[in-house]
Protein backbone atom coordinates (compact mmCIF):
# COMPACT_ATOMS: atom_id res chain seq x y z
CA UNK A 1 12.26 -1.09 -13.83
CA UNK A 2 11.86 -0.76 -10.05
CA UNK A 3 8.74 -1.64 -8.09
CA UNK A 4 6.78 -0.04 -5.24
CA UNK A 5 3.82 -1.80 -3.63
CA UNK A 6 1.12 0.26 -1.95
CA UNK A 7 -1.77 -0.47 0.36
CA UNK A 8 -4.88 1.42 -0.76
CA UNK A 9 -7.11 2.63 2.09
CA UNK A 10 -5.32 5.10 4.34
CA UNK A 11 -2.37 5.39 1.93
CA UNK A 12 -3.85 6.51 -1.40
CA UNK A 13 -7.35 7.39 -0.25
CA UNK A 14 -9.06 8.38 2.96
CA UNK A 15 -10.22 5.31 4.87
CA UNK A 16 -13.53 4.81 6.67
CA UNK A 17 -14.52 2.62 9.61
CA UNK A 18 -17.66 1.91 7.57
CA UNK A 19 -15.56 0.78 4.57
CA UNK A 20 -15.28 2.39 1.17
CA UNK A 21 -18.41 0.88 -0.41
CA UNK A 22 -18.90 2.94 -3.57
CA UNK A 23 -16.97 5.08 -6.03
CA UNK A 24 -18.56 8.18 -4.45
CA UNK A 25 -16.98 7.28 -1.08
CA UNK A 26 -13.48 6.96 -2.58
CA UNK A 27 -11.57 10.23 -2.01
CA UNK A 28 -7.81 10.57 -2.58
CA UNK A 29 -5.53 11.85 0.15
CA UNK A 30 -4.05 15.15 -1.05
CA UNK A 31 -0.76 14.54 -2.84
CA UNK A 32 -1.17 10.77 -3.17
CA UNK A 33 -2.11 10.71 -6.85
CA UNK A 34 0.70 13.10 -7.72
CA UNK A 35 3.09 10.88 -5.75
CA UNK A 36 2.10 7.86 -7.83
CA UNK A 37 2.63 9.90 -11.00
CA UNK A 38 6.11 10.91 -9.78
CA UNK A 39 6.97 7.25 -9.21
CA UNK A 40 5.85 6.40 -12.73
CA UNK A 41 7.88 9.24 -14.26
CA UNK A 42 10.90 7.84 -12.39
CA UNK A 43 10.30 4.42 -14.03
CA UNK A 44 8.80 2.66 -11.02
CA UNK A 45 6.03 0.14 -11.45
CA UNK A 46 3.24 0.79 -8.95
CA UNK A 47 1.21 -2.13 -7.64
CA UNK A 48 -1.51 -2.27 -4.98
CA UNK A 49 -2.03 -4.98 -2.35
CA UNK A 50 -5.20 -4.34 -0.39
CA UNK A 51 -7.49 -6.18 2.02
CA UNK A 52 -11.10 -5.66 0.95
CA UNK A 53 -13.11 -7.60 3.53
CA UNK A 54 -16.18 -5.50 2.73
CA UNK A 55 -16.77 -8.04 -0.04
CA UNK A 56 -16.71 -10.97 2.40
CA UNK A 57 -18.93 -9.03 4.79
CA UNK A 58 -21.50 -8.48 2.02
CA UNK A 59 -21.13 -4.67 2.08
CA UNK A 60 -20.27 -4.47 -1.63
CA UNK A 61 -19.47 -6.85 -4.48
CA UNK A 62 -16.52 -7.30 -6.84
CA UNK A 63 -18.27 -5.23 -9.54
CA UNK A 64 -18.49 -2.30 -7.12
CA UNK A 65 -14.84 -2.77 -6.13
CA UNK A 66 -13.91 -2.70 -9.82
CA UNK A 67 -15.83 0.58 -10.27
CA UNK A 68 -14.02 2.06 -7.24
CA UNK A 69 -10.70 1.00 -8.75
CA UNK A 70 -11.67 2.37 -12.18
CA UNK A 71 -12.27 5.77 -10.56
CA UNK A 72 -8.92 5.58 -8.77
CA UNK A 73 -7.06 4.49 -11.92
CA UNK A 74 -8.66 7.28 -13.97
CA UNK A 75 -7.68 9.92 -11.40
CA UNK A 76 -4.11 8.56 -11.26
CA UNK A 77 -3.95 8.71 -15.07
CA UNK A 78 -5.20 12.31 -15.04
CA UNK A 79 -2.10 13.14 -12.97
CA UNK A 80 0.16 11.29 -15.41
CA UNK A 81 0.56 8.06 -13.44
CA UNK A 82 -0.33 4.42 -13.83
CA UNK A 83 -1.19 1.55 -11.53
CA UNK A 84 0.25 -1.62 -13.05
CA UNK A 85 -1.77 -4.15 -11.05
CA UNK A 86 -4.15 -4.43 -8.12
CA UNK A 87 -4.12 -7.48 -5.87
CA UNK A 88 -6.92 -7.72 -3.34
CA UNK A 89 -8.16 -10.10 -0.67
CA UNK A 90 -11.98 -10.29 -0.43
CA UNK A 91 -11.97 -12.38 2.75
CA UNK A 92 -12.81 -11.53 6.35
CA UNK A 93 -10.37 -12.28 9.19
CA UNK A 94 -12.58 -15.23 10.18
CA UNK A 95 -11.90 -16.90 6.82
CA UNK A 96 -8.24 -17.53 7.82
CA UNK A 97 -7.13 -17.29 4.18
CA UNK A 98 -3.51 -17.01 3.08
CA UNK A 99 -4.03 -13.80 1.10
CA UNK A 100 -5.31 -11.49 3.85
CA UNK A 101 -2.56 -9.29 5.24
CA UNK A 102 -0.67 -9.75 7.56
CA UNK A 103 -0.24 -13.10 5.79
CA UNK A 104 1.99 -12.70 2.73
CA UNK A 105 -0.28 -14.26 0.08
CA UNK A 106 -1.08 -11.02 -1.80
CA UNK A 107 2.56 -10.01 -1.96
CA UNK A 108 3.67 -13.49 -3.03
CA UNK A 109 1.03 -13.48 -5.77
CA UNK A 110 2.27 -10.08 -6.96
CA UNK A 111 5.85 -11.37 -7.03
CA UNK A 112 4.81 -14.47 -8.98
CA UNK A 113 2.68 -12.66 -11.55
CA UNK A 114 5.13 -9.81 -12.07
CA UNK A 115 8.12 -12.16 -11.99
CA UNK A 116 9.92 -9.85 -9.60
CA UNK A 117 11.61 -10.65 -6.29
CA UNK A 118 10.33 -8.76 -3.26
CA UNK A 119 13.58 -8.49 -1.29
CA UNK A 120 14.05 -4.83 -0.40
CA UNK A 121 11.01 -3.66 -2.40
CA UNK A 122 9.18 -0.87 -0.55
CA UNK A 123 5.69 -1.82 0.63
CA UNK A 124 3.87 1.29 1.84
CA UNK A 125 1.03 0.84 4.31
CA UNK A 126 -0.66 2.40 7.30
CA UNK A 127 -1.08 -0.59 9.63
CA UNK A 128 0.74 -3.37 11.43
CA UNK A 129 -0.78 -5.87 9.00
CA UNK A 130 1.04 -4.09 6.16
CA UNK A 131 4.32 -4.02 8.11
CA UNK A 132 4.05 -7.71 9.03
CA UNK A 133 3.24 -8.75 5.45
CA UNK A 134 6.24 -6.80 4.15
CA UNK A 135 8.59 -8.35 6.72
CA UNK A 136 7.27 -11.84 5.93
CA UNK A 137 8.46 -11.58 2.32
CA UNK A 138 11.65 -9.60 2.87
CA UNK A 139 10.20 -6.36 1.48
CA UNK A 140 11.03 -2.99 3.05
CA UNK A 141 8.09 -1.96 5.27
CA UNK A 142 7.18 1.71 5.00
CA UNK A 143 4.61 3.18 7.36
CA UNK A 144 2.79 6.39 6.49
CA UNK A 145 1.02 8.41 9.18
CA UNK A 146 -2.16 8.81 7.17
CA UNK A 147 -5.14 6.50 7.72
CA UNK A 148 -4.33 4.30 10.73
CA UNK A 149 -0.63 5.10 10.42
CA UNK A 150 -0.38 7.64 13.23
CA UNK A 151 -1.93 5.22 15.74
CA UNK A 152 0.12 2.34 14.36
CA UNK A 153 3.32 4.34 14.72
CA UNK A 154 2.45 5.34 18.30
CA UNK A 155 1.73 1.71 19.21
CA UNK A 156 5.06 0.59 17.72
CA UNK A 157 6.88 2.99 20.05
CA UNK A 158 5.72 1.16 23.19
CA UNK A 159 8.26 -0.61 25.45
CA UNK A 160 7.14 -3.96 23.99
CA UNK A 161 8.38 -2.91 20.56
CA UNK A 162 9.56 -5.88 18.54
CA UNK A 163 13.11 -5.75 17.12
CA UNK A 164 11.83 -5.87 13.53
CA UNK A 165 10.11 -2.51 14.00
CA UNK A 166 13.51 -0.84 13.86
CA UNK A 167 13.51 -1.72 10.15
CA UNK A 168 10.28 0.19 9.46
CA UNK A 169 10.66 3.53 7.68
CA UNK A 170 8.07 6.14 8.72
CA UNK A 171 6.82 9.11 6.68
CA UNK A 172 4.05 11.68 7.04
CA UNK A 173 2.28 10.46 3.91
CA UNK A 174 2.80 8.81 0.53
CA UNK A 175 4.02 12.06 -1.03
CA UNK A 176 6.74 12.45 1.63
CA UNK A 177 7.87 8.84 1.10
CA UNK A 178 8.10 9.33 -2.67
CA UNK A 179 10.16 12.51 -2.29
CA UNK A 180 12.60 10.70 0.03
CA UNK A 181 12.79 7.63 -2.23
CA UNK A 182 13.50 9.66 -5.35
CA UNK A 183 16.02 11.85 -3.49
CA UNK A 184 17.88 8.70 -2.34
CA UNK A 185 17.81 7.32 -5.84
CA UNK A 186 19.21 10.56 -7.31
CA UNK A 187 21.95 10.93 -4.70
CA UNK A 188 25.43 9.92 -5.87
CA UNK A 189 26.55 6.63 -4.38
CA UNK A 190 29.63 6.68 -2.18
CA UNK A 191 32.58 4.51 -3.10
């Protein structure tokens, strides 16, 4: 079974500069839940890796985060999908932990717990921290233009663009990425 790793805020749901602090504030981006369901029907495991510094900032607690995730999981299930695991970092940038993206700790933990290598695995995010975390573990960085993705993409097109950015796939949103991934998978292989 194949694996896709997703960031949460800005990829699956609308993000907020004030953080998503309650289940009521969690709203899916149109097409994202259906995209997860399509992945599941195509025998992909779907895992989340998300920074949740609102916990470290005292804006909400782990119980509230769990209720937010329960709402998300229920809505994904209503569409026929499943989220296999959620890995989150509760720390702030000032904590200098190893799990906060762009450091690779969340992705390495996912690899360890799922007993799956990350080489070439798509990691879909909307920020440079997602791209850098993916590159650090040999995963395939995928940038969507939802959330912070449009600004991230524009910044990556500057003259100071790093060579690794050429390896970043860019899509309008999660649904567009899933369509392209499944189309590639269904296409006959040459040779």
